[in-house]
């Protein structure tokens, strides 16, 4: 039961991080079109979201192989 809750929680976090990542990609494209610079804070948040998304995807793929 605990594994199932952890699995569902991990999937929820993964879905949130993927949506955040896609939102950031769209934001970067919009900023490139409008030629507006992105602040260092938001760039760091984007990098952290990418790292956590990769970790979440690797964890999900690992759990699928069990």
PDB file of N, CA and C in Angstrom:
ATOM      1  N   UNK A   1       0.826  -1.203   0.000  1.00  0.00           N
ATOM      2  CA  UNK A   1       0.000   0.000   0.000  1.00  0.00           C
ATOM      3  C   UNK A   1       0.864   1.259   0.000  1.00  0.00           C
ATOM      4  N   UNK A   2       1.947   1.229   0.780  1.00  0.00           N
ATOM      5  CA  UNK A   2       2.828   2.394   0.838  1.00  0.00           C
ATOM      6  C   UNK A   2       3.504   2.623  -0.510  1.00  0.00           C
ATOM      7  N   UNK A   3       3.881   1.521  -1.174  1.00  0.00           N
ATOM      8  CA  UNK A   3       4.509   1.666  -2.489  1.00  0.00           C
ATOM      9  C   UNK A   3       3.553   2.289  -3.494  1.00  0.00           C
ATOM     10  N   UNK A   4       2.280   1.936  -3.402  1.00  0.00           N
ATOM     11  CA  UNK A   4       1.294   2.488  -4.331  1.00  0.00           C
ATOM     12  C   UNK A   4       1.111   3.989  -4.101  1.00  0.00           C
ATOM     13  N   UNK A   5       1.055   4.401  -2.839  1.00  0.00           N
ATOM     14  CA  UNK A   5       0.918   5.827  -2.527  1.00  0.00           C
ATOM     15  C   UNK A   5       2.152   6.587  -3.007  1.00  0.00           C
ATOM     16  N   UNK A   6       3.331   6.024  -2.761  1.00  0.00           N
ATOM     17  CA  UNK A   6       4.569   6.669  -3.201  1.00  0.00           C
ATOM     18  C   UNK A   6       4.626   6.751  -4.726  1.00  0.00           C
ATOM     19  N   UNK A   7       4.167   5.700  -5.390  1.00  0.00           N
ATOM     20  CA  UNK A   7       4.152   5.685  -6.854  1.00  0.00           C
ATOM     21  C   UNK A   7       3.219   6.767  -7.401  1.00  0.00           C
ATOM     22  N   UNK A   8       2.013   6.853  -6.843  1.00  0.00           N
ATOM     23  CA  UNK A   8       1.057   7.864  -7.304  1.00  0.00           C
ATOM     24  C   UNK A   8       1.547   9.277  -7.001  1.00  0.00           C
ATOM     25  N   UNK A   9       2.164   9.466  -5.831  1.00  0.00           N
ATOM     26  CA  UNK A   9       2.708  10.768  -5.472  1.00  0.00           C
ATOM     27  C   UNK A   9       3.837  11.146  -6.433  1.00  0.00           C
ATOM     28  N   UNK A  10       4.678  10.176  -6.770  1.00  0.00           N
ATOM     29  CA  UNK A  10       5.760  10.430  -7.721  1.00  0.00           C
ATOM     30  C   UNK A  10       5.239  10.786  -9.100  1.00  0.00           C
ATOM     31  N   UNK A  11       4.169  10.106  -9.522  1.00  0.00           N
ATOM     32  CA  UNK A  11       3.573  10.422 -10.824  1.00  0.00           C
ATOM     33  C   UNK A  11       2.971  11.821 -10.822  1.00  0.00           C
ATOM     34  N   UNK A  12       2.354  12.214  -9.708  1.00  0.00           N
ATOM     35  CA  UNK A  12       1.771  13.544  -9.595  1.00  0.00           C
ATOM     36  C   UNK A  12       2.854  14.618  -9.665  1.00  0.00           C
ATOM     37  N   UNK A  13       3.942  14.405  -8.942  1.00  0.00           N
ATOM     38  CA  UNK A  13       5.054  15.360  -8.989  1.00  0.00           C
ATOM     39  C   UNK A  13       5.639  15.417 -10.396  1.00  0.00           C
ATOM     40  N   UNK A  14       5.768  14.252 -11.033  1.00  0.00           N
ATOM     41  CA  UNK A  14       6.295  14.219 -12.396  1.00  0.00           C
ATOM     42  C   UNK A  14       5.411  14.979 -13.370  1.00  0.00           C
ATOM     43  N   UNK A  15       4.109  14.815 -13.251  1.00  0.00           N
ATOM     44  CA  UNK A  15       3.185  15.531 -14.132  1.00  0.00           C
ATOM     45  C   UNK A  15       3.270  17.036 -13.897  1.00  0.00           C
ATOM     46  N   UNK A  16       3.378  17.440 -12.631  1.00  0.00           N
ATOM     47  CA  UNK A  16       3.506  18.863 -12.317  1.00  0.00           C
ATOM     48  C   UNK A  16       4.790  19.431 -12.906  1.00  0.00           C
ATOM     49  N   UNK A  17       5.895  18.690 -12.747  1.00  0.00           N
ATOM     50  CA  UNK A  17       7.168  19.188 -13.258  1.00  0.00           C
ATOM     51  C   UNK A  17       7.183  19.237 -14.783  1.00  0.00           C
ATOM     52  N   UNK A  18       6.546  18.272 -15.427  1.00  0.00           N
ATOM     53  CA  UNK A  18       6.469  18.317 -16.888  1.00  0.00           C
ATOM     54  C   UNK A  18       5.651  19.511 -17.364  1.00  0.00           C
ATOM     55  N   UNK A  19       4.549  19.795 -16.682  1.00  0.00           N
ATOM     56  CA  UNK A  19       3.749  20.955 -17.081  1.00  0.00           C
ATOM     57  C   UNK A  19       4.523  22.246 -16.841  1.00  0.00           C
ATOM     58  N   UNK A  20       5.278  22.305 -15.744  1.00  0.00           N
ATOM     59  CA  UNK A  20       6.116  23.476 -15.476  1.00  0.00           C
ATOM     60  C   UNK A  20       7.182  23.626 -16.553  1.00  0.00           C
ATOM     61  N   UNK A  21       7.773  22.502 -16.946  1.00  0.00           N
ATOM     62  CA  UNK A  21       8.807  22.534 -17.975  1.00  0.00           C
ATOM     63  C   UNK A  21       8.246  23.016 -19.308  1.00  0.00           C
ATOM     64  N   UNK A  22       7.075  22.505 -19.712  1.00  0.00           N
ATOM     65  CA  UNK A  22       6.479  22.940 -20.973  1.00  0.00           C
ATOM     66  C   UNK A  22       6.078  24.412 -20.918  1.00  0.00           C
ATOM     67  N   UNK A  23       5.610  24.861 -19.762  1.00  0.00           N
ATOM     68  CA  UNK A  23       5.277  26.277 -19.605  1.00  0.00           C
ATOM     69  C   UNK A  23       6.521  27.139 -19.764  1.00  0.00           C
ATOM     70  N   UNK A  24       7.626  26.692 -19.202  1.00  0.00           N
ATOM     71  CA  UNK A  24       8.868  27.454 -19.306  1.00  0.00           C
ATOM     72  C   UNK A  24       9.396  27.474 -20.728  1.00  0.00           C
ATOM     73  N   UNK A  25       9.268  26.357 -21.431  1.00  0.00           N
ATOM     74  CA  UNK A  25       9.717  26.334 -22.827  1.00  0.00           C
ATOM     75  C   UNK A  25       8.899  27.331 -23.646  1.00  0.00           C
ATOM     76  N   UNK A  26       7.580  27.341 -23.430  1.00  0.00           N
ATOM     77  CA  UNK A  26       6.728  28.299 -24.132  1.00  0.00           C
ATOM     78  C   UNK A  26       7.100  29.731 -23.753  1.00  0.00           C
ATOM     79  N   UNK A  27       7.397  29.964 -22.483  1.00  0.00           N
ATOM     80  CA  UNK A  27       7.783  31.295 -22.024  1.00  0.00           C
ATOM     81  C   UNK A  27       9.097  31.737 -22.664  1.00  0.00           C
ATOM     82  N   UNK A  28      10.051  30.820 -22.786  1.00  0.00           N
ATOM     83  CA  UNK A  28      11.329  31.170 -23.411  1.00  0.00           C
ATOM     84  C   UNK A  28      11.145  31.504 -24.887  1.00  0.00           C
ATOM     85  N   UNK A  29      10.277  30.762 -25.568  1.00  0.00           N
ATOM     86  CA  UNK A  29       9.999  31.060 -26.977  1.00  0.00           C
ATOM     87  C   UNK A  29       9.345  32.435 -27.099  1.00  0.00           C
ATOM     88  N   UNK A  30       8.389  32.722 -26.209  1.00  0.00           N
ATOM     89  CA  UNK A  30       7.711  34.020 -26.227  1.00  0.00           C
ATOM     90  C   UNK A  30       8.703  35.153 -25.959  1.00  0.00           C
ATOM     91  N   UNK A  31       9.585  34.947 -24.977  1.00  0.00           N
ATOM     92  CA  UNK A  31      10.569  35.986 -24.665  1.00  0.00           C
ATOM     93  C   UNK A  31      11.558  36.174 -25.811  1.00  0.00           C
ATOM     94  N   UNK A  32      11.889  35.097 -26.511  1.00  0.00           N
ATOM     95  CA  UNK A  32      12.801  35.220 -27.651  1.00  0.00           C
ATOM     96  C   UNK A  32      12.147  36.009 -28.781  1.00  0.00           C
ATOM     97  N   UNK A  33      10.846  35.790 -28.988  1.00  0.00           N
ATOM     98  CA  UNK A  33      10.134  36.530 -30.032  1.00  0.00           C
ATOM     99  C   UNK A  33      10.044  38.010 -29.662  1.00  0.00           C
ATOM    100  N   UNK A  34       9.738  38.289 -28.396  1.00  0.00           N
ATOM    101  CA  UNK A  34       9.598  39.681 -27.948  1.00  0.00           C
ATOM    102  C   UNK A  34      10.938  40.327 -27.616  1.00  0.00           C
ATOM    103  N   UNK A  35      12.022  39.532 -27.643  1.00  0.00           N
ATOM    104  CA  UNK A  35      13.385  39.999 -27.345  1.00  0.00           C
ATOM    105  C   UNK A  35      13.494  40.595 -25.949  1.00  0.00           C
ATOM    106  N   UNK A  36      12.905  39.889 -24.977  1.00  0.00           N
ATOM    107  CA  UNK A  36      13.008  40.298 -23.580  1.00  0.00           C
ATOM    108  C   UNK A  36      13.970  39.348 -22.870  1.00  0.00           C
ATOM    109  N   UNK A  37      14.861  39.868 -22.036  1.00  0.00           N
ATOM    110  CA  UNK A  37      15.776  38.973 -21.315  1.00  0.00           C
ATOM    111  C   UNK A  37      15.058  38.255 -20.171  1.00  0.00           C
ATOM    112  N   UNK A  38      15.558  37.090 -19.817  1.00  0.00           N
ATOM    113  CA  UNK A  38      15.007  36.338 -18.696  1.00  0.00           C
ATOM    114  C   UNK A  38      15.902  36.593 -17.484  1.00  0.00           C
ATOM    115  N   UNK A  39      15.298  36.748 -16.311  1.00  0.00           N
ATOM    116  CA  UNK A  39      16.081  37.046 -15.117  1.00  0.00           C
ATOM    117  C   UNK A  39      16.817  35.795 -14.638  1.00  0.00           C
ATOM    118  N   UNK A  40      17.880  36.004 -13.881  1.00  0.00           N
ATOM    119  CA  UNK A  40      18.690  34.885 -13.388  1.00  0.00           C
ATOM    120  C   UNK A  40      17.894  33.981 -12.462  1.00  0.00           C
ATOM    121  N   UNK A  41      16.999  34.551 -11.664  1.00  0.00           N
ATOM    122  CA  UNK A  41      16.203  33.742 -10.741  1.00  0.00           C
ATOM    123  C   UNK A  41      15.352  32.735 -11.497  1.00  0.00           C
ATOM    124  N   UNK A  42      14.642  33.192 -12.521  1.00  0.00           N
ATOM    125  CA  UNK A  42      13.764  32.295 -13.271  1.00  0.00           C
ATOM    126  C   UNK A  42      14.555  31.292 -14.093  1.00  0.00           C
ATOM    127  N   UNK A  43      15.763  31.676 -14.515  1.00  0.00           N
ATOM    128  CA  UNK A  43      16.619  30.725 -15.219  1.00  0.00           C
ATOM    129  C   UNK A  43      17.049  29.599 -14.285  1.00  0.00           C
ATOM    130  N   UNK A  44      17.360  29.934 -13.031  1.00  0.00           N
ATOM    131  CA  UNK A  44      17.721  28.909 -12.047  1.00  0.00           C
ATOM    132  C   UNK A  44      16.532  28.005 -11.733  1.00  0.00           C
ATOM    133  N   UNK A  45      15.337  28.582 -11.639  1.00  0.00           N
ATOM    134  CA  UNK A  45      14.134  27.774 -11.399  1.00  0.00           C
ATOM    135  C   UNK A  45      13.914  26.811 -12.564  1.00  0.00           C
ATOM    136  N   UNK A  46      14.133  27.270 -13.789  1.00  0.00           N
ATOM    137  CA  UNK A  46      13.993  26.407 -14.961  1.00  0.00           C
ATOM    138  C   UNK A  46      14.984  25.251 -14.918  1.00  0.00           C
ATOM    139  N   UNK A  47      16.227  25.528 -14.570  1.00  0.00           N
ATOM    140  CA  UNK A  47      17.246  24.475 -14.500  1.00  0.00           C
ATOM    141  C   UNK A  47      16.883  23.451 -13.433  1.00  0.00           C
ATOM    142  N   UNK A  48      16.414  23.910 -12.281  1.00  0.00           N
ATOM    143  CA  UNK A  48      16.012  22.990 -11.210  1.00  0.00           C
ATOM    144  C   UNK A  48      14.816  22.150 -11.651  1.00  0.00           C
ATOM    145  N   UNK A  49      13.860  22.756 -12.353  1.00  0.00           N
ATOM    146  CA  UNK A  49      12.696  22.004 -12.840  1.00  0.00           C
ATOM    147  C   UNK A  49      13.112  20.937 -13.844  1.00  0.00           C
ATOM    148  N   UNK A  50      14.063  21.260 -14.706  1.00  0.00           N
ATOM    149  CA  UNK A  50      14.552  20.274 -15.678  1.00  0.00           C
ATOM    150  C   UNK A  50      15.229  19.112 -14.958  1.00  0.00           C
ATOM    151  N   UNK A  51      16.056  19.409 -13.958  1.00  0.00           N
ATOM    152  CA  UNK A  51      16.747  18.356 -13.211  1.00  0.00           C
ATOM    153  C   UNK A  51      15.742  17.459 -12.501  1.00  0.00           C
ATOM    154  N   UNK A  52      14.766  18.047 -11.812  1.00  0.00           N
ATOM    155  CA  UNK A  52      13.772  17.244 -11.104  1.00  0.00           C
ATOM    156  C   UNK A  52      12.890  16.450 -12.068  1.00  0.00           C
ATOM    157  N   UNK A  53      12.609  17.006 -13.243  1.00  0.00           N
ATOM    158  CA  UNK A  53      11.823  16.268 -14.236  1.00  0.00           C
ATOM    159  C   UNK A  53      12.581  15.042 -14.718  1.00  0.00           C
ATOM    160  N   UNK A  54      13.866  15.192 -14.972  1.00  0.00           N
ATOM    161  CA  UNK A  54      14.677  14.051 -15.407  1.00  0.00           C
ATOM    162  C   UNK A  54      14.736  12.994 -14.319  1.00  0.00           C
ATOM    163  N   UNK A  55      14.925  13.413 -13.061  1.00  0.00           N
ATOM    164  CA  UNK A  55      14.956  12.460 -11.948  1.00  0.00           C
ATOM    165  C   UNK A  55      13.618  11.741 -11.828  1.00  0.00           C
ATOM    166  N   UNK A  56      12.528  12.476 -11.970  1.00  0.00           N
ATOM    167  CA  UNK A  56      11.202  11.870 -11.876  1.00  0.00           C
ATOM    168  C   UNK A  56      10.959  10.879 -13.009  1.00  0.00           C
ATOM    169  N   UNK A  57      11.368  11.230 -14.223  1.00  0.00           N
ATOM    170  CA  UNK A  57      11.186  10.323 -15.355  1.00  0.00           C
ATOM    171  C   UNK A  57      12.012   9.055 -15.193  1.00  0.00           C
ATOM    172  N   UNK A  58      13.247   9.198 -14.703  1.00  0.00           N
ATOM    173  CA  UNK A  58      14.091   8.025 -14.472  1.00  0.00           C
ATOM    174  C   UNK A  58      13.473   7.143 -13.394  1.00  0.00           C
ATOM    175  N   UNK A  59      12.953   7.742 -12.335  1.00  0.00           N
ATOM    176  CA  UNK A  59      12.299   6.976 -11.275  1.00  0.00           C
ATOM    177  C   UNK A  59      11.060   6.256 -11.765  1.00  0.00           C
ATOM    178  N   UNK A  60      10.289   6.905 -12.622  1.00  0.00           N
ATOM    179  CA  UNK A  60       9.084   6.274 -13.170  1.00  0.00           C
ATOM    180  C   UNK A  60       9.452   5.105 -14.074  1.00  0.00           C
ATOM    181  N   UNK A  61      10.468   5.292 -14.911  1.00  0.00           N
ATOM    182  CA  UNK A  61      10.900   4.198 -15.782  1.00  0.00           C
ATOM    183  C   UNK A  61      11.464   3.042 -14.963  1.00  0.00           C
ATOM    184  N   UNK A  62      12.155   3.364 -13.880  1.00  0.00           N
ATOM    185  CA  UNK A  62      12.702   2.336 -13.000  1.00  0.00           C
ATOM    186  C   UNK A  62      11.580   1.527 -12.370  1.00  0.00           C
ATOM    187  N   UNK A  63      10.533   2.195 -11.947  1.00  0.00           N
ATOM    188  CA  UNK A  63       9.425   1.512 -11.297  1.00  0.00           C
ATOM    189  C   UNK A  63       8.621   0.672 -12.295  1.00  0.00           C
ATOM    190  N   UNK A  64       8.592   1.065 -13.540  1.00  0.00           N
ATOM    191  CA  UNK A  64       7.878   0.289 -14.549  1.00  0.00           C
ATOM    192  C   UNK A  64       8.561  -1.051 -14.804  1.00  0.00           C
ATOM    193  N   UNK A  65       9.875  -1.103 -14.578  1.00  0.00           N
ATOM    194  CA  UNK A  65      10.618  -2.338 -14.821  1.00  0.00           C
ATOM    195  C   UNK A  65      10.486  -3.332 -13.684  1.00  0.00           C
ATOM    196  N   UNK A  66       9.920  -2.916 -12.538  1.00  0.00           N
ATOM    197  CA  UNK A  66       9.814  -3.833 -11.399  1.00  0.00           C
ATOM    198  C   UNK A  66       8.806  -4.876 -11.610  1.00  0.00           C
TER     199      UNK A  66
END
